[in-house]
Amino acid sequence: MNNKNIFFFIGLPRAGNTLLASLINQSEELTLTANSITPSILFAIEEVKKEFAYKNFPDERSINTVLKNSLFSYYKEWKTNNILDRGPWGTPDNLNMVYKIYSSPKFVVLYRPVKECVASFVRKDDPADKEKYVDYLLNNREHILSKNLWSIHNLLKNKIPFYLITYDDLINNTKQTLNNLFKYLNLKTPNIDLNKLEQLNINNVIYEDDNDMHKIRTNEIKKIKYDVLNYLSIDLINLCQQHEPKIVKK
């Protein structure tokens, strides 16, 4: 069953996740998933430990076997043998589950400054109450931005190594960024056509997206430039900076 290599990808939303997946998935070596449900699947298995039957017979080794096999089972029919699973894998519970599957897991982080991610959400959604909306983005750990920020902070807190891709490098040094990623994962250099951009489609499944959150421009790789101050006040920018992980690109 275990013929797949699973790597763990944490990407801040509005940082180019779908673009990166569209490019990577041209390769026959590696698939970057959409935002994955596998953390929820594994967590549901862990929750069994709260049941009376488990407490009466706490066979943790067997539960951990189910945990591990369920991840590989999910990807059994996927065409590539190497999977970059996108999810908030750095949160304490998720990290605990990862280490029950791999003793030396590999993590990849796609990062964009917090104020830029938040400004992109505000630009897209145009909320009536920006202060309340931004507080929700940053502090509600059920939101994808907050949860992935939490993941990155927790990796740093626990000094867990990861490979960093910045949004600017993805846009401005696309080919080299892709080559370096594949090298980090010990995969052969991909033959990727930067002019062959398509909407994300994996296993003939596409995003059910009502607000174009996951639509990419297929005619070019380019950063949309705008002034963050047009969308965020100085106070909100300062709030974003309080949530900024101390990431240093080596």
Protein backbone atom coordinates (compact mmCIF):
# COMPACT_ATOMS: atom_id res chain seq x y z
CA MET A 1 0.00 0.00 0.00
CA ASN A 2 2.77 2.44 0.92
CA ASN A 3 4.17 3.30 -2.52
CA LYS A 4 3.76 7.04 -2.07
CA ASN A 5 6.01 9.71 -0.64
CA ILE A 6 3.96 12.30 1.22
CA PHE A 7 5.39 15.74 1.90
CA PHE A 8 3.61 18.40 3.93
CA PHE A 9 2.83 21.80 2.44
CA ILE A 10 1.70 24.86 4.41
CA GLY A 11 0.68 27.76 2.21
CA LEU A 12 -0.71 31.09 3.32
CA PRO A 13 -3.87 31.87 1.34
CA ARG A 14 -3.51 34.59 -1.31
CA ALA A 15 0.17 33.63 -1.64
CA GLY A 16 0.05 31.78 -4.97
CA ASN A 17 -0.92 28.27 -3.87
CA THR A 18 -3.09 27.56 -6.91
CA LEU A 19 -0.54 28.99 -9.33
CA LEU A 20 2.20 26.87 -7.78
CA ALA A 21 0.01 23.76 -7.97
CA SER A 22 -0.86 24.45 -11.61
CA LEU A 23 2.85 24.58 -12.44
CA ILE A 24 4.03 21.65 -10.30
CA ASN A 25 1.25 19.41 -11.54
CA GLN A 26 2.59 19.53 -15.08
CA SER A 27 5.24 17.18 -13.70
CA GLU A 28 4.78 13.42 -13.68
CA GLU A 29 6.87 13.28 -10.51
CA LEU A 30 4.92 15.37 -8.05
CA THR A 31 1.38 16.56 -7.30
CA LEU A 32 0.57 19.54 -5.11
CA THR A 33 -2.94 19.08 -3.77
CA ALA A 34 -5.76 21.53 -3.36
CA ASN A 35 -6.48 22.45 0.25
CA SER A 36 -6.58 18.93 1.65
CA ILE A 37 -9.12 17.12 3.79
CA THR A 38 -6.56 14.60 5.01
CA PRO A 39 -5.80 16.46 8.28
CA SER A 40 -9.51 16.18 9.11
CA ILE A 41 -9.53 12.49 8.24
CA LEU A 42 -6.56 11.80 10.50
CA PHE A 43 -8.00 13.93 13.29
CA ALA A 44 -11.25 11.95 13.15
CA ILE A 45 -9.24 8.76 13.69
CA GLU A 46 -7.45 10.34 16.65
CA GLU A 47 -10.80 11.30 18.14
CA VAL A 48 -11.63 7.60 18.53
CA LYS A 49 -9.33 7.66 21.54
CA LYS A 50 -12.00 9.63 23.41
CA GLU A 51 -14.50 6.78 23.13
CA PHE A 52 -15.23 4.42 25.99
CA ALA A 53 -14.28 1.32 23.99
CA TYR A 54 -10.78 2.70 23.35
CA LYS A 55 -10.30 3.80 26.94
CA ASN A 56 -11.31 0.30 28.01
CA PHE A 57 -8.76 -1.22 25.61
CA PRO A 58 -6.23 1.49 24.63
CA ASP A 59 -4.44 -0.20 21.73
CA GLU A 60 -2.58 2.89 20.50
CA ARG A 61 -0.27 0.97 18.20
CA SER A 62 -3.18 -0.31 16.14
CA ILE A 63 -4.82 3.13 15.98
CA ASN A 64 -1.53 4.60 14.77
CA THR A 65 -1.38 1.94 12.05
CA VAL A 66 -4.85 2.97 10.87
CA LEU A 67 -3.76 6.61 10.98
CA LYS A 68 -0.75 5.98 8.80
CA ASN A 69 -2.48 3.69 6.34
CA SER A 70 -5.42 6.04 5.89
CA LEU A 71 -3.15 8.79 4.55
CA PHE A 72 -1.54 6.47 2.03
CA SER A 73 -4.91 4.93 1.14
CA TYR A 74 -6.32 8.36 0.27
CA TYR A 75 -3.61 8.84 -2.36
CA LYS A 76 -3.47 5.25 -3.58
CA GLU A 77 -5.12 5.98 -6.94
CA TRP A 78 -3.30 9.24 -7.62
CA LYS A 79 -1.03 9.04 -10.64
CA THR A 80 2.17 10.43 -9.10
CA ASN A 81 4.16 8.68 -6.42
CA ASN A 82 5.07 11.93 -4.69
CA ILE A 83 2.43 14.10 -3.05
CA LEU A 84 2.71 17.58 -1.55
CA ASP A 85 -0.28 17.58 0.76
CA ARG A 86 -1.50 21.12 1.41
CA GLY A 87 -2.92 21.74 4.86
CA PRO A 88 -2.25 23.41 8.23
CA TRP A 89 0.19 20.65 9.12
CA GLY A 90 2.13 22.70 11.64
CA THR A 91 -0.61 23.05 14.27
CA PRO A 92 0.15 21.07 17.45
CA ASP A 93 -2.43 18.32 16.80
CA ASN A 94 -1.54 17.98 13.12
CA LEU A 95 2.18 17.98 13.82
CA ASN A 96 1.69 15.23 16.38
CA MET A 97 -0.10 13.12 13.76
CA VAL A 98 2.59 13.75 11.12
CA TYR A 99 5.28 12.40 13.44
CA LYS A 100 3.27 9.22 13.97
CA ILE A 101 3.56 8.64 10.23
CA TYR A 102 7.09 9.88 9.48
CA SER A 103 10.06 10.15 11.80
CA SER A 104 11.67 12.79 9.55
CA PRO A 105 8.90 14.49 7.58
CA LYS A 106 9.62 17.19 5.03
CA PHE A 107 7.71 20.46 5.21
CA VAL A 108 7.37 23.16 2.56
CA VAL A 109 6.06 26.64 3.37
CA LEU A 110 4.72 29.10 0.82
CA TYR A 111 4.89 32.52 2.39
CA ARG A 112 3.76 36.06 1.68
CA PRO A 113 3.90 38.97 4.16
CA VAL A 114 0.81 38.93 6.35
CA LYS A 115 -0.24 42.47 5.46
CA GLU A 116 -0.25 41.54 1.76
CA CYS A 117 -2.36 38.43 2.35
CA VAL A 118 -4.82 40.40 4.48
CA ALA A 119 -4.97 43.30 2.00
CA SER A 120 -5.71 40.80 -0.77
CA PHE A 121 -8.66 39.42 1.20
CA VAL A 122 -9.94 42.92 1.94
CA ARG A 123 -9.51 43.93 -1.70
CA LYS A 124 -11.50 40.89 -2.81
CA ASP A 125 -14.28 40.94 -0.19
CA ASP A 126 -14.58 44.70 0.48
CA PRO A 127 -15.97 44.22 4.03
CA ALA A 128 -18.11 46.93 5.60
CA ASP A 129 -16.24 46.67 8.90
CA LYS A 130 -12.57 46.22 8.08
CA GLU A 131 -11.41 46.11 11.69
CA LYS A 132 -13.79 43.28 12.58
CA TYR A 133 -13.02 41.44 9.35
CA VAL A 134 -9.24 41.63 9.77
CA ASP A 135 -9.52 40.52 13.40
CA TYR A 136 -11.49 37.51 12.17
CA LEU A 137 -8.85 36.68 9.52
CA LEU A 138 -5.99 36.83 11.99
CA ASN A 139 -7.46 35.51 15.23
CA ASN A 140 -10.16 32.99 14.37
CA ARG A 141 -8.25 29.74 14.16
CA GLU A 142 -10.99 28.19 12.07
CA HIS A 143 -10.11 30.59 9.25
CA ILE A 144 -7.58 29.31 6.73
CA LEU A 145 -5.26 32.30 7.15
CA SER A 146 -5.15 32.16 10.93
CA LYS A 147 -4.76 28.39 10.99
CA ASN A 148 -1.86 28.41 8.53
CA LEU A 149 -0.16 31.27 10.36
CA TRP A 150 -0.52 29.24 13.55
CA SER A 151 1.08 26.32 11.71
CA ILE A 152 4.11 28.35 10.67
CA HIS A 153 4.56 29.88 14.12
CA ASN A 154 4.42 26.42 15.68
CA LEU A 155 7.04 25.02 13.29
CA LEU A 156 9.31 27.90 14.24
CA LYS A 157 8.57 27.50 17.94
CA ASN A 158 9.53 23.82 17.80
CA LYS A 159 12.55 24.50 15.56
CA ILE A 160 11.26 22.16 12.89
CA PRO A 161 13.05 22.71 9.58
CA PHE A 162 11.10 23.53 6.45
CA TYR A 163 11.77 24.64 2.90
CA LEU A 164 10.63 28.20 2.31
CA ILE A 165 9.15 29.55 -0.91
CA THR A 166 8.25 33.22 -0.95
CA TYR A 167 5.48 34.63 -3.07
CA ASP A 168 7.89 37.10 -4.69
CA ASP A 169 10.32 34.34 -5.66
CA LEU A 170 7.46 32.29 -7.10
CA ILE A 171 6.42 35.22 -9.28
CA ASN A 172 9.82 36.68 -10.16
CA ASN A 173 12.08 33.61 -10.24
CA THR A 174 9.57 30.93 -11.13
CA LYS A 175 11.78 28.43 -12.91
CA GLN A 176 14.57 28.50 -10.35
CA THR A 177 12.07 28.32 -7.49
CA LEU A 178 10.53 25.17 -8.98
CA ASN A 179 13.91 23.58 -9.63
CA ASN A 180 15.06 24.28 -6.06
CA LEU A 181 11.87 22.78 -4.64
CA PHE A 182 12.26 19.56 -6.60
CA LYS A 183 15.89 19.36 -5.55
CA TYR A 184 14.89 19.74 -1.89
CA LEU A 185 12.43 16.87 -2.28
CA ASN A 186 15.10 14.73 -4.01
CA LEU A 187 13.13 14.61 -7.24
CA LYS A 188 14.47 15.07 -10.75
CA THR A 189 14.31 18.55 -12.27
CA PRO A 190 10.89 19.05 -13.85
CA ASN A 191 10.20 20.06 -17.42
CA ILE A 192 7.60 22.74 -16.79
CA ASP A 193 6.29 25.16 -19.39
CA LEU A 194 5.70 28.54 -17.75
CA ASN A 195 3.48 29.53 -20.66
CA LYS A 196 1.20 26.54 -20.18
CA LEU A 197 -0.95 27.76 -17.33
CA GLU A 198 -4.26 26.02 -16.68
CA GLN A 199 -6.86 26.13 -13.93
CA LEU A 200 -6.19 23.57 -11.23
CA ASN A 201 -7.60 20.18 -12.15
CA ILE A 202 -6.53 17.07 -10.25
CA ASN A 203 -7.95 13.65 -11.10
CA ASN A 204 -10.57 15.45 -13.24
CA VAL A 205 -11.76 17.30 -10.13
CA ILE A 206 -11.76 21.09 -10.01
CA TYR A 207 -12.42 23.58 -7.24
CA GLU A 208 -16.11 24.32 -6.62
CA ASP A 209 -15.40 28.00 -6.33
CA ASP A 210 -18.21 30.57 -6.15
CA ASN A 211 -15.99 33.62 -5.62
CA ASP A 212 -13.00 32.95 -7.90
CA MET A 213 -10.69 32.41 -4.92
CA HIS A 214 -8.81 29.73 -6.82
CA LYS A 215 -8.88 31.07 -10.35
CA ILE A 216 -5.52 31.99 -11.82
CA ARG A 217 -4.53 34.15 -14.76
CA THR A 218 -3.56 31.74 -17.52
CA ASN A 219 -1.90 34.29 -19.78
CA GLU A 220 0.97 35.39 -17.53
CA ILE A 221 2.75 35.03 -14.20
CA LYS A 222 2.64 38.48 -12.71
CA LYS A 223 2.12 40.13 -9.33
CA ILE A 224 -0.77 42.56 -9.20
CA LYS A 225 0.73 45.70 -7.71
CA TYR A 226 -1.33 47.87 -5.41
CA ASP A 227 -0.74 49.99 -2.34
CA VAL A 228 -1.63 48.11 0.84
CA LEU A 229 -2.56 51.47 2.38
CA ASN A 230 -5.50 51.65 -0.03
CA TYR A 231 -7.03 48.71 1.86
CA LEU A 232 -5.57 48.73 5.35
CA SER A 233 -5.15 51.50 7.89
CA ILE A 234 -1.84 51.99 9.70
CA ASP A 235 -3.38 50.36 12.79
CA LEU A 236 -4.41 47.30 10.78
CA ILE A 237 -0.98 47.08 9.19
CA ASN A 238 0.55 47.15 12.67
CA LEU A 239 -1.84 44.38 13.72
CA CYS A 240 -0.70 42.30 10.74
CA GLN A 241 2.92 42.84 11.70
CA GLN A 242 2.20 41.52 15.19
CA HIS A 243 1.23 38.22 13.57
CA GLU A 244 4.24 38.11 11.25
CA PRO A 245 6.37 34.98 11.74
CA LYS A 246 10.09 35.59 12.07
CA ILE A 247 11.04 33.83 8.87
CA VAL A 248 14.52 34.30 7.51
CA LYS A 249 15.16 33.00 4.02
CA LYS A 250 18.50 31.27 3.79
